[in-house]
N, C-alpha and C. Protein backbone atom coordinates (compact mmCIF):
# COMPACT_ATOMS: atom_id res chain seq x y z
N MET A 1 2.49 0.45 8.47
CA MET A 1 2.21 0.15 7.08
C MET A 1 1.15 1.11 6.58
N ASN A 2 1.37 1.68 5.43
CA ASN A 2 0.39 2.53 4.79
C ASN A 2 -0.24 1.74 3.66
N SER A 3 -1.54 1.50 3.77
CA SER A 3 -2.24 0.67 2.79
C SER A 3 -2.57 1.39 1.49
N GLY A 4 -2.48 2.72 1.49
CA GLY A 4 -2.86 3.47 0.31
C GLY A 4 -4.34 3.81 0.28
N ARG A 5 -5.09 3.36 1.29
CA ARG A 5 -6.51 3.71 1.38
C ARG A 5 -6.63 5.17 1.80
N PRO A 6 -7.77 5.80 1.57
CA PRO A 6 -7.96 7.18 2.03
C PRO A 6 -7.84 7.26 3.56
N PRO A 7 -7.27 8.34 4.10
CA PRO A 7 -7.06 8.45 5.54
C PRO A 7 -8.33 8.25 6.36
N GLN A 8 -9.47 8.73 5.88
CA GLN A 8 -10.71 8.57 6.64
C GLN A 8 -11.16 7.12 6.72
N ASP A 9 -10.59 6.24 5.89
CA ASP A 9 -10.94 4.82 5.90
C ASP A 9 -9.96 3.99 6.71
N GLY A 10 -9.01 4.62 7.38
CA GLY A 10 -8.04 3.89 8.17
C GLY A 10 -6.90 3.37 7.32
N ASP A 11 -6.00 4.26 6.89
CA ASP A 11 -4.95 3.88 5.93
C ASP A 11 -3.67 3.36 6.58
N PHE A 12 -3.52 3.47 7.90
CA PHE A 12 -2.31 3.01 8.56
C PHE A 12 -2.61 1.87 9.53
N CYS A 13 -1.70 0.92 9.63
CA CYS A 13 -1.79 -0.12 10.66
C CYS A 13 -0.47 -0.13 11.43
N LEU A 14 -0.57 -0.53 12.66
CA LEU A 14 0.60 -0.60 13.53
C LEU A 14 0.87 -2.05 13.89
N GLY A 15 2.15 -2.38 14.00
CA GLY A 15 2.48 -3.76 14.36
C GLY A 15 3.97 -3.96 14.50
N VAL A 16 4.36 -5.22 14.42
CA VAL A 16 5.76 -5.60 14.60
C VAL A 16 6.20 -6.51 13.47
N TRP A 17 7.50 -6.60 13.27
CA TRP A 17 8.05 -7.55 12.32
C TRP A 17 9.26 -8.23 12.95
N GLU A 18 9.57 -9.41 12.42
CA GLU A 18 10.70 -10.19 12.91
C GLU A 18 11.41 -10.83 11.72
N LYS A 19 12.72 -10.75 11.70
CA LYS A 19 13.49 -11.43 10.67
C LYS A 19 13.54 -12.91 11.02
N THR A 20 13.10 -13.78 10.11
CA THR A 20 13.02 -15.21 10.39
C THR A 20 14.04 -16.03 9.61
N GLY A 21 14.75 -15.40 8.70
CA GLY A 21 15.76 -16.06 7.89
C GLY A 21 16.58 -15.02 7.15
N ARG A 22 17.44 -15.48 6.24
CA ARG A 22 18.32 -14.54 5.52
C ARG A 22 17.54 -13.44 4.80
N SER A 23 16.46 -13.81 4.11
CA SER A 23 15.66 -12.83 3.37
C SER A 23 14.18 -12.98 3.68
N THR A 24 13.85 -13.56 4.83
CA THR A 24 12.45 -13.79 5.17
C THR A 24 12.07 -13.05 6.44
N TYR A 25 10.81 -12.62 6.48
CA TYR A 25 10.29 -11.84 7.60
C TYR A 25 8.86 -12.26 7.91
N LYS A 26 8.49 -12.09 9.16
CA LYS A 26 7.11 -12.29 9.59
C LYS A 26 6.61 -10.96 10.14
N LEU A 27 5.44 -10.52 9.68
CA LEU A 27 4.84 -9.28 10.13
C LEU A 27 3.51 -9.58 10.79
N ASN A 28 3.21 -8.86 11.85
CA ASN A 28 1.93 -8.97 12.55
C ASN A 28 1.47 -7.56 12.84
N HIS A 29 0.37 -7.15 12.21
CA HIS A 29 -0.10 -5.79 12.45
C HIS A 29 -1.61 -5.74 12.44
N PHE A 30 -2.14 -4.66 13.02
CA PHE A 30 -3.57 -4.47 13.18
C PHE A 30 -4.00 -3.20 12.46
N ALA A 31 -5.02 -3.33 11.63
CA ALA A 31 -5.66 -2.17 11.02
C ALA A 31 -6.81 -1.78 11.92
N LEU A 32 -6.82 -0.54 12.34
CA LEU A 32 -7.88 -0.05 13.22
C LEU A 32 -8.79 0.86 12.42
N GLY A 33 -10.02 0.96 12.79
CA GLY A 33 -10.96 1.82 12.09
C GLY A 33 -11.99 1.00 11.37
N ASN A 34 -12.14 1.23 10.08
CA ASN A 34 -13.16 0.51 9.32
C ASN A 34 -12.79 -0.95 9.15
N ILE A 35 -13.80 -1.78 9.00
CA ILE A 35 -13.60 -3.21 8.81
C ILE A 35 -13.13 -3.46 7.38
N ILE A 36 -12.17 -4.35 7.20
CA ILE A 36 -11.71 -4.75 5.88
C ILE A 36 -12.33 -6.10 5.58
N ASP A 37 -13.07 -6.21 4.48
CA ASP A 37 -13.67 -7.47 4.07
C ASP A 37 -12.62 -8.27 3.30
N PRO A 38 -12.16 -9.43 3.82
CA PRO A 38 -11.11 -10.17 3.14
C PRO A 38 -11.50 -10.67 1.76
N THR A 39 -12.80 -10.76 1.46
CA THR A 39 -13.23 -11.18 0.14
C THR A 39 -13.29 -10.02 -0.85
N ASN A 40 -13.23 -8.78 -0.33
CA ASN A 40 -13.26 -7.58 -1.16
C ASN A 40 -12.51 -6.47 -0.42
N PRO A 41 -11.15 -6.53 -0.40
CA PRO A 41 -10.36 -5.60 0.42
C PRO A 41 -10.52 -4.13 0.09
N THR A 42 -11.04 -3.79 -1.09
CA THR A 42 -11.20 -2.37 -1.42
C THR A 42 -12.56 -1.83 -0.97
N ALA A 43 -13.45 -2.70 -0.51
CA ALA A 43 -14.77 -2.25 -0.03
C ALA A 43 -14.61 -1.56 1.33
N ILE A 44 -15.40 -0.55 1.55
CA ILE A 44 -15.37 0.20 2.81
C ILE A 44 -16.58 -0.21 3.64
N GLU A 45 -16.34 -0.69 4.82
CA GLU A 45 -17.41 -1.06 5.74
C GLU A 45 -17.44 -0.05 6.87
N PRO A 46 -18.54 0.03 7.60
CA PRO A 46 -18.60 0.95 8.74
C PRO A 46 -17.59 0.58 9.81
N PRO A 47 -17.25 1.52 10.68
CA PRO A 47 -16.30 1.21 11.75
C PRO A 47 -16.73 0.01 12.57
N GLY A 48 -15.78 -0.78 12.95
CA GLY A 48 -16.04 -1.98 13.74
C GLY A 48 -14.80 -2.36 14.50
N GLY A 49 -14.62 -3.63 14.69
CA GLY A 49 -13.46 -4.12 15.41
C GLY A 49 -12.20 -4.05 14.56
N PRO A 50 -11.07 -4.44 15.13
CA PRO A 50 -9.80 -4.39 14.38
C PRO A 50 -9.70 -5.51 13.35
N THR A 51 -8.75 -5.36 12.45
CA THR A 51 -8.40 -6.39 11.48
C THR A 51 -6.95 -6.75 11.70
N GLN A 52 -6.66 -8.03 11.97
CA GLN A 52 -5.29 -8.49 12.17
C GLN A 52 -4.76 -9.06 10.86
N ILE A 53 -3.56 -8.62 10.48
CA ILE A 53 -2.91 -9.09 9.26
C ILE A 53 -1.57 -9.69 9.65
N VAL A 54 -1.36 -10.97 9.32
CA VAL A 54 -0.10 -11.66 9.60
C VAL A 54 0.49 -12.04 8.25
N GLU A 55 1.73 -11.62 8.00
CA GLU A 55 2.37 -11.86 6.70
C GLU A 55 3.67 -12.63 6.87
N ASP A 56 3.93 -13.54 5.94
CA ASP A 56 5.23 -14.21 5.80
C ASP A 56 5.75 -13.79 4.44
N ILE A 57 6.86 -13.03 4.43
CA ILE A 57 7.34 -12.49 3.17
C ILE A 57 8.80 -12.87 2.91
N ILE A 58 9.14 -12.87 1.63
CA ILE A 58 10.51 -13.12 1.17
C ILE A 58 10.94 -11.88 0.40
N LEU A 59 12.02 -11.27 0.84
CA LEU A 59 12.55 -10.06 0.21
C LEU A 59 13.41 -10.44 -0.99
N SER A 60 13.28 -9.69 -2.10
CA SER A 60 14.08 -9.95 -3.29
C SER A 60 15.55 -9.64 -3.02
N ARG A 61 16.43 -10.13 -3.87
CA ARG A 61 17.88 -9.90 -3.70
C ARG A 61 18.23 -8.42 -3.69
N ASP A 62 17.54 -7.63 -4.54
CA ASP A 62 17.85 -6.19 -4.59
C ASP A 62 17.18 -5.41 -3.46
N GLY A 63 16.31 -6.05 -2.68
CA GLY A 63 15.66 -5.40 -1.55
C GLY A 63 14.52 -4.47 -1.91
N ASN A 64 14.10 -4.47 -3.18
CA ASN A 64 13.06 -3.55 -3.62
C ASN A 64 11.69 -4.20 -3.84
N HIS A 65 11.61 -5.52 -3.70
CA HIS A 65 10.36 -6.24 -3.94
C HIS A 65 10.22 -7.37 -2.92
N TYR A 66 8.99 -7.83 -2.75
CA TYR A 66 8.77 -8.99 -1.88
C TYR A 66 7.59 -9.80 -2.37
N THR A 67 7.56 -11.06 -1.99
CA THR A 67 6.45 -11.96 -2.26
C THR A 67 6.13 -12.69 -0.97
N GLY A 68 5.01 -13.36 -0.94
CA GLY A 68 4.66 -14.13 0.24
C GLY A 68 3.18 -14.35 0.37
N MET A 69 2.78 -14.71 1.57
CA MET A 69 1.37 -14.98 1.89
C MET A 69 0.97 -14.15 3.09
N PHE A 70 -0.31 -13.81 3.18
CA PHE A 70 -0.79 -13.16 4.39
C PHE A 70 -2.12 -13.77 4.80
N THR A 71 -2.38 -13.69 6.09
CA THR A 71 -3.65 -14.11 6.67
C THR A 71 -4.31 -12.87 7.25
N LEU A 72 -5.59 -12.70 6.98
CA LEU A 72 -6.32 -11.53 7.43
C LEU A 72 -7.51 -12.02 8.27
N ASP A 73 -7.60 -11.55 9.51
CA ASP A 73 -8.73 -11.85 10.38
C ASP A 73 -9.43 -10.55 10.70
N ALA A 74 -10.66 -10.38 10.20
CA ALA A 74 -11.43 -9.16 10.42
C ALA A 74 -12.46 -9.42 11.51
N TYR A 75 -12.43 -8.61 12.56
CA TYR A 75 -13.35 -8.75 13.68
C TYR A 75 -14.45 -7.70 13.56
N ASP A 76 -15.69 -8.15 13.57
CA ASP A 76 -16.82 -7.22 13.49
C ASP A 76 -16.95 -6.46 14.80
N THR A 77 -16.97 -7.17 15.90
CA THR A 77 -16.99 -6.59 17.24
C THR A 77 -16.13 -7.47 18.12
N PRO A 78 -15.75 -7.03 19.31
CA PRO A 78 -14.92 -7.87 20.18
C PRO A 78 -15.56 -9.20 20.57
N SER A 79 -16.88 -9.33 20.45
CA SER A 79 -17.53 -10.55 20.90
C SER A 79 -17.78 -11.56 19.79
N THR A 80 -17.42 -11.24 18.54
CA THR A 80 -17.70 -12.16 17.45
C THR A 80 -16.43 -12.83 16.95
N SER A 81 -16.63 -13.94 16.24
CA SER A 81 -15.51 -14.65 15.64
C SER A 81 -15.02 -13.89 14.42
N PRO A 82 -13.74 -14.05 14.08
CA PRO A 82 -13.21 -13.32 12.93
C PRO A 82 -13.64 -13.94 11.61
N VAL A 83 -13.62 -13.12 10.56
CA VAL A 83 -13.71 -13.59 9.19
C VAL A 83 -12.27 -13.84 8.77
N HIS A 84 -11.94 -15.00 8.24
CA HIS A 84 -10.55 -15.39 8.01
C HIS A 84 -10.31 -15.60 6.51
N ALA A 85 -9.18 -15.09 6.02
CA ALA A 85 -8.78 -15.30 4.63
C ALA A 85 -7.28 -15.40 4.55
N GLN A 86 -6.80 -16.24 3.61
CA GLN A 86 -5.35 -16.34 3.38
C GLN A 86 -5.11 -16.13 1.91
N THR A 87 -4.17 -15.23 1.58
CA THR A 87 -3.97 -14.79 0.21
C THR A 87 -2.50 -14.52 -0.07
N PRO A 88 -2.02 -14.76 -1.30
CA PRO A 88 -0.64 -14.35 -1.64
C PRO A 88 -0.53 -12.83 -1.62
N THR A 89 0.64 -12.31 -1.19
CA THR A 89 0.87 -10.86 -1.20
C THR A 89 1.36 -10.43 -2.56
């Protein structure tokens, strides 16, 4: 997934997706590099732990649009608890 962020801020995440229904999918991917603040996703934080993004999406009939919800867990370091947010996509 390309987030559209500048490359130096970690614009790509890697992960997997699974078809869960006729037009529904579940995605699980990790953004590596800078920390993403779920309360302000456009803010740039210093490098830290990974950010896990889990999405449940519904693809439109024409296949060009989607809607859904995602959960974002941002880890500051491997030893800390995540910051958790759930938001519509």
